[in-house]
C-alpha atoms as a PDB file:
ATOM      1  CA  MET A   1      72.182  47.493  72.167  1.00  0.00           C
ATOM      2  CA  THR A   2      69.126  46.837  74.332  1.00  0.00           C
ATOM      3  CA  ARG A   3      65.458  48.318  73.423  1.00  0.00           C
ATOM      4  CA  ARG A   4      63.391  48.912  76.572  1.00  0.00           C
ATOM      5  CA  LEU A   5      59.386  50.052  76.514  1.00  0.00           C
ATOM      6  CA  ILE A   6      58.074  52.019  79.055  1.00  0.00           C
ATOM      7  CA  SER A   7      54.593  52.169  79.953  1.00  0.00           C
ATOM      8  CA  GLN A   8      52.472  54.621  81.988  1.00  0.00           C
ATOM      9  CA  GLY A   9      49.154  52.491  81.788  1.00  0.00           C
ATOM     10  CA  SER A  10      47.373  54.887  79.578  1.00  0.00           C
ATOM     11  CA  VAL A  11      43.937  53.318  78.196  1.00  0.00           C
ATOM     12  CA  PHE A  12      45.261  54.533  74.503  1.00  0.00           C
ATOM     13  CA  GLU A  13      48.474  52.613  74.950  1.00  0.00           C
ATOM     14  CA  GLU A  14      46.757  49.484  75.136  1.00  0.00           C
ATOM     15  CA  LYS A  15      44.262  50.858  72.666  1.00  0.00           C
ATOM     16  CA  VAL A  16      46.591  51.806  69.898  1.00  0.00           C
ATOM     17  CA  SER A  17      49.578  49.105  71.029  1.00  0.00           C
ATOM     18  CA  TYR A  18      52.290  51.971  71.775  1.00  0.00           C
ATOM     19  CA  SER A  19      54.831  52.799  74.432  1.00  0.00           C
ATOM     20  CA  ARG A  20      54.754  55.837  76.432  1.00  0.00           C
ATOM     21  CA  ALA A  21      58.620  55.726  75.937  1.00  0.00           C
ATOM     22  CA  VAL A  22      61.077  53.419  73.956  1.00  0.00           C
ATOM     23  CA  VAL A  23      64.753  53.586  75.090  1.00  0.00           C
ATOM     24  CA  ASP A  24      67.172  52.409  72.455  1.00  0.00           C
ATOM     25  CA  GLY A  25      71.040  53.087  73.688  1.00  0.00           C
ATOM     26  CA  ASP A  26      71.296  56.581  75.184  1.00  0.00           C
ATOM     27  CA  TRP A  27      68.166  57.830  73.124  1.00  0.00           C
ATOM     28  CA  ILE A  28      64.697  57.953  74.565  1.00  0.00           C
ATOM     29  CA  PHE A  29      61.666  58.674  72.408  1.00  0.00           C
ATOM     30  CA  VAL A  30      58.817  59.931  74.295  1.00  0.00           C
ATOM     31  CA  SER A  31      55.362  59.464  72.692  1.00  0.00           C
ATOM     32  CA  GLY A  32      52.996  62.474  72.457  1.00  0.00           C
ATOM     33  CA  THR A  33      51.742  63.016  75.908  1.00  0.00           C
ATOM     34  CA  THR A  34      48.713  64.589  77.131  1.00  0.00           C
ATOM     35  CA  GLY A  35      47.877  66.355  80.425  1.00  0.00           C
ATOM     36  CA  TYR A  36      45.911  63.424  81.908  1.00  0.00           C
ATOM     37  CA  ASP A  37      46.996  62.875  85.622  1.00  0.00           C
ATOM     38  CA  TYR A  38      47.173  59.141  85.785  1.00  0.00           C
ATOM     39  CA  GLU A  39      46.821  58.820  89.498  1.00  0.00           C
ATOM     40  CA  THR A  40      43.471  60.550  89.092  1.00  0.00           C
ATOM     41  CA  ARG A  41      42.424  59.411  85.633  1.00  0.00           C
ATOM     42  CA  GLU A  42      41.246  63.226  85.268  1.00  0.00           C
ATOM     43  CA  ILE A  43      42.228  66.121  82.746  1.00  0.00           C
ATOM     44  CA  SER A  44      41.834  69.854  83.685  1.00  0.00           C
ATOM     45  CA  PRO A  45      39.985  72.070  81.103  1.00  0.00           C
ATOM     46  CA  ASP A  46      42.690  74.392  81.449  1.00  0.00           C
ATOM     47  CA  VAL A  47      45.389  74.333  79.018  1.00  0.00           C
ATOM     48  CA  ALA A  48      48.108  76.045  81.323  1.00  0.00           C
ATOM     49  CA  GLU A  49      47.452  73.157  83.925  1.00  0.00           C
ATOM     50  CA  GLN A  50      47.268  70.383  81.019  1.00  0.00           C
ATOM     51  CA  THR A  51      50.933  71.527  80.017  1.00  0.00           C
ATOM     52  CA  THR A  52      52.104  71.310  83.668  1.00  0.00           C
ATOM     53  CA  GLN A  53      50.671  67.633  83.621  1.00  0.00           C
ATOM     54  CA  CYS A  54      52.019  66.767  80.292  1.00  0.00           C
ATOM     55  CA  LEU A  55      55.559  67.884  81.451  1.00  0.00           C
ATOM     56  CA  LYS A  56      55.407  65.648  84.753  1.00  0.00           C
ATOM     57  CA  ASN A  57      54.064  62.765  82.667  1.00  0.00           C
ATOM     58  CA  ILE A  58      57.211  63.323  80.627  1.00  0.00           C
ATOM     59  CA  GLU A  59      59.425  63.523  83.549  1.00  0.00           C
ATOM     60  CA  TRP A  60      58.147  60.298  84.878  1.00  0.00           C
ATOM     61  CA  ALA A  61      58.728  58.500  81.460  1.00  0.00           C
ATOM     62  CA  LEU A  62      62.398  59.940  81.374  1.00  0.00           C
ATOM     63  CA  THR A  63      63.103  59.208  85.161  1.00  0.00           C
ATOM     64  CA  GLU A  64      62.131  55.778  84.268  1.00  0.00           C
ATOM     65  CA  ALA A  65      64.384  55.685  81.407  1.00  0.00           C
ATOM     66  CA  GLY A  66      67.484  57.053  83.596  1.00  0.00           C
ATOM     67  CA  ALA A  67      67.348  60.260  82.121  1.00  0.00           C
ATOM     68  CA  SER A  68      66.009  63.975  82.970  1.00  0.00           C
ATOM     69  CA  MET A  69      64.157  67.023  81.428  1.00  0.00           C
ATOM     70  CA  LYS A  70      67.749  68.377  80.884  1.00  0.00           C
ATOM     71  CA  ASP A  71      68.364  65.400  78.497  1.00  0.00           C
ATOM     72  CA  ILE A  72      65.449  66.582  76.141  1.00  0.00           C
ATOM     73  CA  VAL A  73      67.039  67.578  72.619  1.00  0.00           C
ATOM     74  CA  ARG A  74      63.625  67.930  70.586  1.00  0.00           C
ATOM     75  CA  VAL A  75      60.360  68.836  71.479  1.00  0.00           C
ATOM     76  CA  HIS A  76      56.765  68.959  69.469  1.00  0.00           C
ATOM     77  CA  TYR A  77      54.005  70.617  70.855  1.00  0.00           C
ATOM     78  CA  ILE A  78      50.450  69.921  69.164  1.00  0.00           C
ATOM     79  CA  LEU A  79      47.429  72.153  70.107  1.00  0.00           C
ATOM     80  CA  PRO A  80      43.953  71.624  68.360  1.00  0.00           C
ATOM     81  CA  ASP A  81      43.707  75.562  69.115  1.00  0.00           C
ATOM     82  CA  ALA A  82      47.044  77.639  68.198  1.00  0.00           C
ATOM     83  CA  SER A  83      45.606  80.490  69.921  1.00  0.00           C
ATOM     84  CA  GLU A  84      45.973  78.556  73.295  1.00  0.00           C
ATOM     85  CA  PHE A  85      49.545  77.978  72.839  1.00  0.00           C
ATOM     86  CA  GLU A  86      50.815  81.556  74.543  1.00  0.00           C
ATOM     87  CA  ALA A  87      48.984  80.630  77.966  1.00  0.00           C
ATOM     88  CA  CYS A  88      51.652  77.336  77.859  1.00  0.00           C
ATOM     89  CA  TRP A  89      54.629  79.480  77.401  1.00  0.00           C
ATOM     90  CA  PRO A  90      55.247  79.888  81.399  1.00  0.00           C
ATOM     91  CA  ALA A  91      55.164  76.254  82.103  1.00  0.00           C
ATOM     92  CA  LEU A  92      57.198  75.598  79.183  1.00  0.00           C
ATOM     93  CA  ARG A  93      60.004  78.072  80.137  1.00  0.00           C
ATOM     94  CA  ALA A  94      60.087  77.015  83.761  1.00  0.00           C
ATOM     95  CA  VAL A  95      61.221  73.513  82.312  1.00  0.00           C
ATOM     96  CA  PHE A  96      63.228  74.299  79.002  1.00  0.00           C
ATOM     97  CA  ASP A  97      64.518  77.836  79.748  1.00  0.00           C
ATOM     98  CA  ASP A  98      68.262  76.406  80.607  1.00  0.00           C
ATOM     99  CA  VAL A  99      67.540  73.399  78.132  1.00  0.00           C
ATOM    100  CA  ARG A 100      66.594  75.280  75.105  1.00  0.00           C
ATOM    101  CA  PRO A 101      65.939  71.921  73.051  1.00  0.00           C
ATOM    102  CA  ALA A 102      64.901  72.264  69.057  1.00  0.00           C
ATOM    103  CA  ALA A 103      61.307  72.922  69.253  1.00  0.00           C
ATOM    104  CA  THR A 104      58.044  73.105  66.653  1.00  0.00           C
ATOM    105  CA  MET A 105      54.753  73.586  67.347  1.00  0.00           C
ATOM    106  CA  PHE A 106      51.814  72.119  65.472  1.00  0.00           C
ATOM    107  CA  THR A 107      48.240  72.526  65.185  1.00  0.00           C
ATOM    108  CA  ALA A 108      46.103  69.501  64.779  1.00  0.00           C
ATOM    109  CA  GLY A 109      43.145  67.636  65.984  1.00  0.00           C
ATOM    110  CA  LEU A 110      43.469  65.288  69.005  1.00  0.00           C
ATOM    111  CA  ILE A 111      41.995  61.980  70.019  1.00  0.00           C
ATOM    112  CA  ASP A 112      39.858  63.504  72.762  1.00  0.00           C
ATOM    113  CA  PRO A 113      38.178  66.818  72.507  1.00  0.00           C
ATOM    114  CA  ALA A 114      39.165  67.321  76.224  1.00  0.00           C
ATOM    115  CA  MET A 115      42.782  67.312  75.456  1.00  0.00           C
ATOM    116  CA  LYS A 116      44.183  70.754  74.444  1.00  0.00           C
ATOM    117  CA  ILE A 117      47.840  70.095  74.094  1.00  0.00           C
ATOM    118  CA  GLU A 118      50.095  67.241  73.336  1.00  0.00           C
ATOM    119  CA  ILE A 119      54.002  67.085  73.596  1.00  0.00           C
ATOM    120  CA  GLU A 120      56.353  64.629  72.511  1.00  0.00           C
ATOM    121  CA  VAL A 121      59.780  64.769  73.102  1.00  0.00           C
ATOM    122  CA  THR A 122      63.214  63.177  72.400  1.00  0.00           C
ATOM    123  CA  ALA A 123      66.205  62.886  74.686  1.00  0.00           C
ATOM    124  CA  ARG A 124      69.523  61.414  74.817  1.00  0.00           C
ATOM    125  CA  LYS A 125      71.085  60.383  78.034  1.00  0.00           C
ATOM    126  CA  SER A 126      73.844  62.575  79.305  1.00  0.00           C
ATOM    127  CA  GLU A 127      77.314  61.080  80.252  1.00  0.00           C
ATOM    128  CA  GLY A 128      77.676  60.636  83.665  1.00  0.00           C
END
């Protein structure tokens, strides 16, 4: 079985020595992903916009791994302020309404105060 590392070019990937995603057989483990736009190197101050960008970043990683958002089986949401989670729901429903992964929301501090949400997912490549 081949293990493959996927990098998105985040400065934190280099500083902390981690990969955006690790592919191990049919499994894809996507690291906690924030709302930074890696083309502009900017992050919106709005939690809903950050959520949408997190999902775009995760979709990029899954595509690189040969999978899609429909392959997600587990998701963890991490927010410094739990009261902001409801503002994220429309973006999450848009992606996960048919997927319905197992999910947990945590409240914890994030490495940069500009970050309002971090999302981590586990996916398993579908057959065919």
